[in-house]
Amino acid sequence: MNRSALLLTLFFAAGAYAGEKAGATFDTLDKNQDGQVSAQEASEHSKLNEMWTEVDRDGSGTIDQSEFSAFEALTRPGEAAE
């Protein structure tokens, strides 16, 4: 692979990762609009999957709006988790 192709690949990969973080809102993840994000609905969000047990504080198997808001606060760039 030549240098230009490699740089383009890295550029688009970084953009896709940033888009996942920036574009993932509770409403976009809650595909069936039932007020809960299931593991299946969250499957495309790697960080949420990685932290699922921590984010699902009540152990219900779904993430509600308040749990998702807490997750966003933990993962927001430039802010330390308390």
N, C-alpha and C. Protein backbone atom coordinates (compact mmCIF):
# COMPACT_ATOMS: atom_id res chain seq x y z
N MET A 1 0.86 -1.17 0.00
CA MET A 1 0.00 0.00 0.00
C MET A 1 0.90 1.23 0.00
N ASN A 2 0.62 2.17 -0.87
CA ASN A 2 1.46 3.36 -0.91
C ASN A 2 1.10 4.31 0.23
N ARG A 3 1.96 5.27 0.43
CA ARG A 3 1.81 6.19 1.56
C ARG A 3 0.49 6.96 1.51
N SER A 4 0.09 7.44 0.35
CA SER A 4 -1.16 8.20 0.21
C SER A 4 -2.37 7.36 0.57
N ALA A 5 -2.39 6.12 0.10
CA ALA A 5 -3.51 5.23 0.40
C ALA A 5 -3.57 4.93 1.89
N LEU A 6 -2.42 4.74 2.49
CA LEU A 6 -2.36 4.47 3.93
C LEU A 6 -2.89 5.67 4.72
N LEU A 7 -2.46 6.87 4.34
CA LEU A 7 -2.93 8.07 5.04
C LEU A 7 -4.44 8.25 4.90
N LEU A 8 -4.97 8.00 3.70
CA LEU A 8 -6.42 8.11 3.50
C LEU A 8 -7.17 7.09 4.35
N THR A 9 -6.64 5.87 4.41
CA THR A 9 -7.27 4.82 5.21
C THR A 9 -7.30 5.23 6.68
N LEU A 10 -6.19 5.72 7.19
CA LEU A 10 -6.13 6.16 8.59
C LEU A 10 -7.06 7.33 8.85
N PHE A 11 -7.12 8.26 7.91
CA PHE A 11 -7.99 9.42 8.05
C PHE A 11 -9.46 9.00 8.16
N PHE A 12 -9.90 8.13 7.26
CA PHE A 12 -11.29 7.70 7.28
C PHE A 12 -11.60 6.82 8.48
N ALA A 13 -10.66 5.99 8.91
CA ALA A 13 -10.87 5.16 10.10
C ALA A 13 -11.02 6.05 11.33
N ALA A 14 -10.18 7.06 11.44
CA ALA A 14 -10.28 7.98 12.58
C ALA A 14 -11.60 8.73 12.55
N GLY A 15 -12.05 9.12 11.38
CA GLY A 15 -13.34 9.81 11.25
C GLY A 15 -14.50 8.93 11.64
N ALA A 16 -14.44 7.66 11.28
CA ALA A 16 -15.50 6.72 11.65
C ALA A 16 -15.55 6.55 13.15
N TYR A 17 -14.39 6.45 13.80
CA TYR A 17 -14.34 6.30 15.26
C TYR A 17 -14.88 7.55 15.93
N ALA A 18 -14.47 8.71 15.46
CA ALA A 18 -14.95 9.97 16.04
C ALA A 18 -16.44 10.11 15.83
N GLY A 19 -16.94 9.68 14.66
CA GLY A 19 -18.37 9.75 14.38
C GLY A 19 -19.16 8.87 15.32
N GLU A 20 -18.62 7.72 15.67
CA GLU A 20 -19.30 6.84 16.62
C GLU A 20 -19.48 7.56 17.94
N LYS A 21 -18.44 8.19 18.44
CA LYS A 21 -18.50 8.87 19.72
C LYS A 21 -19.40 10.10 19.66
N ALA A 22 -19.25 10.89 18.59
CA ALA A 22 -19.99 12.14 18.50
C ALA A 22 -21.45 11.91 18.14
N GLY A 23 -21.74 10.92 17.30
CA GLY A 23 -23.08 10.74 16.79
C GLY A 23 -23.97 9.85 17.64
N ALA A 24 -23.38 9.14 18.59
CA ALA A 24 -24.17 8.20 19.38
C ALA A 24 -24.88 8.94 20.51
N THR A 25 -26.15 9.15 20.32
CA THR A 25 -26.96 9.73 21.38
C THR A 25 -27.93 8.66 21.86
N PHE A 26 -28.54 8.90 22.98
CA PHE A 26 -29.50 7.93 23.52
C PHE A 26 -30.58 7.64 22.48
N ASP A 27 -31.11 8.68 21.87
CA ASP A 27 -32.21 8.50 20.90
C ASP A 27 -31.77 7.73 19.65
N THR A 28 -30.54 7.93 19.20
CA THR A 28 -30.09 7.18 18.02
C THR A 28 -29.82 5.73 18.35
N LEU A 29 -29.39 5.45 19.57
CA LEU A 29 -29.15 4.06 19.98
C LEU A 29 -30.45 3.32 20.28
N ASP A 30 -31.43 4.03 20.84
CA ASP A 30 -32.72 3.42 21.19
C ASP A 30 -33.57 3.28 19.93
N LYS A 31 -33.23 2.30 19.12
CA LYS A 31 -33.83 2.14 17.79
C LYS A 31 -35.34 1.92 17.83
N ASN A 32 -35.84 1.19 18.82
CA ASN A 32 -37.29 0.94 18.87
C ASN A 32 -38.03 1.96 19.73
N GLN A 33 -37.30 2.97 20.23
CA GLN A 33 -37.88 4.09 20.98
C GLN A 33 -38.72 3.66 22.18
N ASP A 34 -38.22 2.64 22.90
CA ASP A 34 -38.94 2.19 24.10
C ASP A 34 -38.40 2.81 25.38
N GLY A 35 -37.46 3.74 25.26
CA GLY A 35 -36.91 4.40 26.43
C GLY A 35 -35.77 3.64 27.08
N GLN A 36 -35.34 2.56 26.46
CA GLN A 36 -34.25 1.73 26.98
C GLN A 36 -33.33 1.38 25.81
N VAL A 37 -32.03 1.29 26.08
CA VAL A 37 -31.08 0.80 25.07
C VAL A 37 -30.70 -0.62 25.47
N SER A 38 -31.01 -1.55 24.60
CA SER A 38 -30.67 -2.95 24.86
C SER A 38 -29.23 -3.21 24.41
N ALA A 39 -28.69 -4.35 24.83
CA ALA A 39 -27.35 -4.73 24.40
C ALA A 39 -27.29 -4.84 22.88
N GLN A 40 -28.35 -5.35 22.28
CA GLN A 40 -28.38 -5.47 20.82
C GLN A 40 -28.37 -4.09 20.16
N GLU A 41 -29.14 -3.16 20.69
CA GLU A 41 -29.18 -1.81 20.13
C GLU A 41 -27.83 -1.11 20.28
N ALA A 42 -27.12 -1.42 21.34
CA ALA A 42 -25.83 -0.77 21.62
C ALA A 42 -24.66 -1.49 20.96
N SER A 43 -24.91 -2.55 20.24
CA SER A 43 -23.82 -3.38 19.71
C SER A 43 -22.86 -2.64 18.79
N GLU A 44 -23.29 -1.57 18.17
CA GLU A 44 -22.41 -0.82 17.27
C GLU A 44 -21.58 0.23 18.00
N HIS A 45 -21.78 0.42 19.29
CA HIS A 45 -21.05 1.42 20.07
C HIS A 45 -20.03 0.69 20.93
N SER A 46 -18.79 0.63 20.47
CA SER A 46 -17.77 -0.19 21.13
C SER A 46 -17.51 0.21 22.58
N LYS A 47 -17.45 1.49 22.88
CA LYS A 47 -17.15 1.94 24.24
C LYS A 47 -18.30 1.58 25.20
N LEU A 48 -19.52 1.74 24.74
CA LEU A 48 -20.67 1.38 25.57
C LEU A 48 -20.67 -0.13 25.85
N ASN A 49 -20.38 -0.92 24.84
CA ASN A 49 -20.28 -2.37 25.04
C ASN A 49 -19.19 -2.73 26.03
N GLU A 50 -18.07 -2.05 25.89
CA GLU A 50 -16.92 -2.29 26.77
C GLU A 50 -17.27 -2.01 28.24
N MET A 51 -18.09 -0.99 28.46
CA MET A 51 -18.41 -0.55 29.83
C MET A 51 -19.82 -0.97 30.26
N TRP A 52 -20.45 -1.91 29.55
CA TRP A 52 -21.85 -2.23 29.76
C TRP A 52 -22.19 -2.51 31.23
N THR A 53 -21.44 -3.37 31.88
CA THR A 53 -21.74 -3.75 33.26
C THR A 53 -21.68 -2.55 34.20
N GLU A 54 -20.72 -1.69 33.97
CA GLU A 54 -20.58 -0.48 34.80
C GLU A 54 -21.72 0.51 34.53
N VAL A 55 -22.12 0.64 33.27
CA VAL A 55 -23.16 1.61 32.89
C VAL A 55 -24.54 1.15 33.34
N ASP A 56 -24.83 -0.15 33.22
CA ASP A 56 -26.13 -0.71 33.62
C ASP A 56 -26.15 -0.87 35.14
N ARG A 57 -26.24 0.25 35.83
CA ARG A 57 -26.10 0.28 37.29
C ARG A 57 -27.16 -0.53 38.05
N ASP A 58 -28.37 -0.60 37.49
CA ASP A 58 -29.41 -1.34 38.20
C ASP A 58 -29.47 -2.81 37.80
N GLY A 59 -28.60 -3.23 36.85
CA GLY A 59 -28.54 -4.63 36.46
C GLY A 59 -29.75 -5.12 35.68
N SER A 60 -30.49 -4.20 35.07
CA SER A 60 -31.71 -4.58 34.36
C SER A 60 -31.45 -5.22 32.99
N GLY A 61 -30.24 -5.09 32.49
CA GLY A 61 -29.93 -5.61 31.17
C GLY A 61 -30.19 -4.60 30.06
N THR A 62 -30.65 -3.41 30.45
CA THR A 62 -30.85 -2.31 29.50
C THR A 62 -30.28 -1.04 30.13
N ILE A 63 -30.05 -0.05 29.27
CA ILE A 63 -29.55 1.25 29.72
C ILE A 63 -30.68 2.26 29.56
N ASP A 64 -31.02 2.95 30.64
CA ASP A 64 -32.05 3.99 30.53
C ASP A 64 -31.37 5.34 30.32
N GLN A 65 -32.16 6.38 30.18
CA GLN A 65 -31.62 7.71 29.88
C GLN A 65 -30.65 8.19 30.95
N SER A 66 -30.97 8.01 32.22
CA SER A 66 -30.09 8.50 33.28
C SER A 66 -28.77 7.72 33.31
N GLU A 67 -28.83 6.42 33.07
CA GLU A 67 -27.60 5.62 33.01
C GLU A 67 -26.74 6.04 31.82
N PHE A 68 -27.39 6.33 30.69
CA PHE A 68 -26.65 6.77 29.51
C PHE A 68 -26.01 8.13 29.75
N SER A 69 -26.72 9.02 30.43
CA SER A 69 -26.17 10.34 30.75
C SER A 69 -24.94 10.21 31.64
N ALA A 70 -24.99 9.29 32.60
CA ALA A 70 -23.82 9.05 33.47
C ALA A 70 -22.66 8.50 32.65
N PHE A 71 -22.95 7.61 31.69
CA PHE A 71 -21.93 7.07 30.80
C PHE A 71 -21.29 8.20 29.99
N GLU A 72 -22.11 9.10 29.45
CA GLU A 72 -21.58 10.22 28.67
C GLU A 72 -20.66 11.09 29.52
N ALA A 73 -21.04 11.32 30.77
CA ALA A 73 -20.20 12.12 31.65
C ALA A 73 -18.85 11.44 31.91
N LEU A 74 -18.87 10.13 32.02
CA LEU A 74 -17.62 9.38 32.24
C LEU A 74 -16.70 9.42 31.03
N THR A 75 -17.27 9.44 29.85
CA THR A 75 -16.47 9.32 28.63
C THR A 75 -16.28 10.64 27.91
N ARG A 76 -16.79 11.73 28.46
CA ARG A 76 -16.65 13.04 27.82
C ARG A 76 -15.20 13.46 27.84
N PRO A 77 -14.64 13.80 26.69
CA PRO A 77 -13.23 14.21 26.62
C PRO A 77 -12.96 15.44 27.48
N GLY A 78 -11.82 15.42 28.13
CA GLY A 78 -11.39 16.58 28.92
C GLY A 78 -11.94 16.64 30.32
N GLU A 79 -12.74 15.67 30.71
CA GLU A 79 -13.30 15.66 32.06
C GLU A 79 -12.87 14.39 32.77
N ALA A 80 -12.46 14.51 33.98
CA ALA A 80 -12.04 13.34 34.76
C ALA A 80 -13.26 12.71 35.40
N ALA A 81 -13.25 11.38 35.44
CA ALA A 81 -14.34 10.67 36.12
C ALA A 81 -14.09 10.75 37.62
N GLU A 82 -15.15 10.97 38.36
CA GLU A 82 -15.01 11.08 39.82
C GLU A 82 -15.34 9.77 40.48
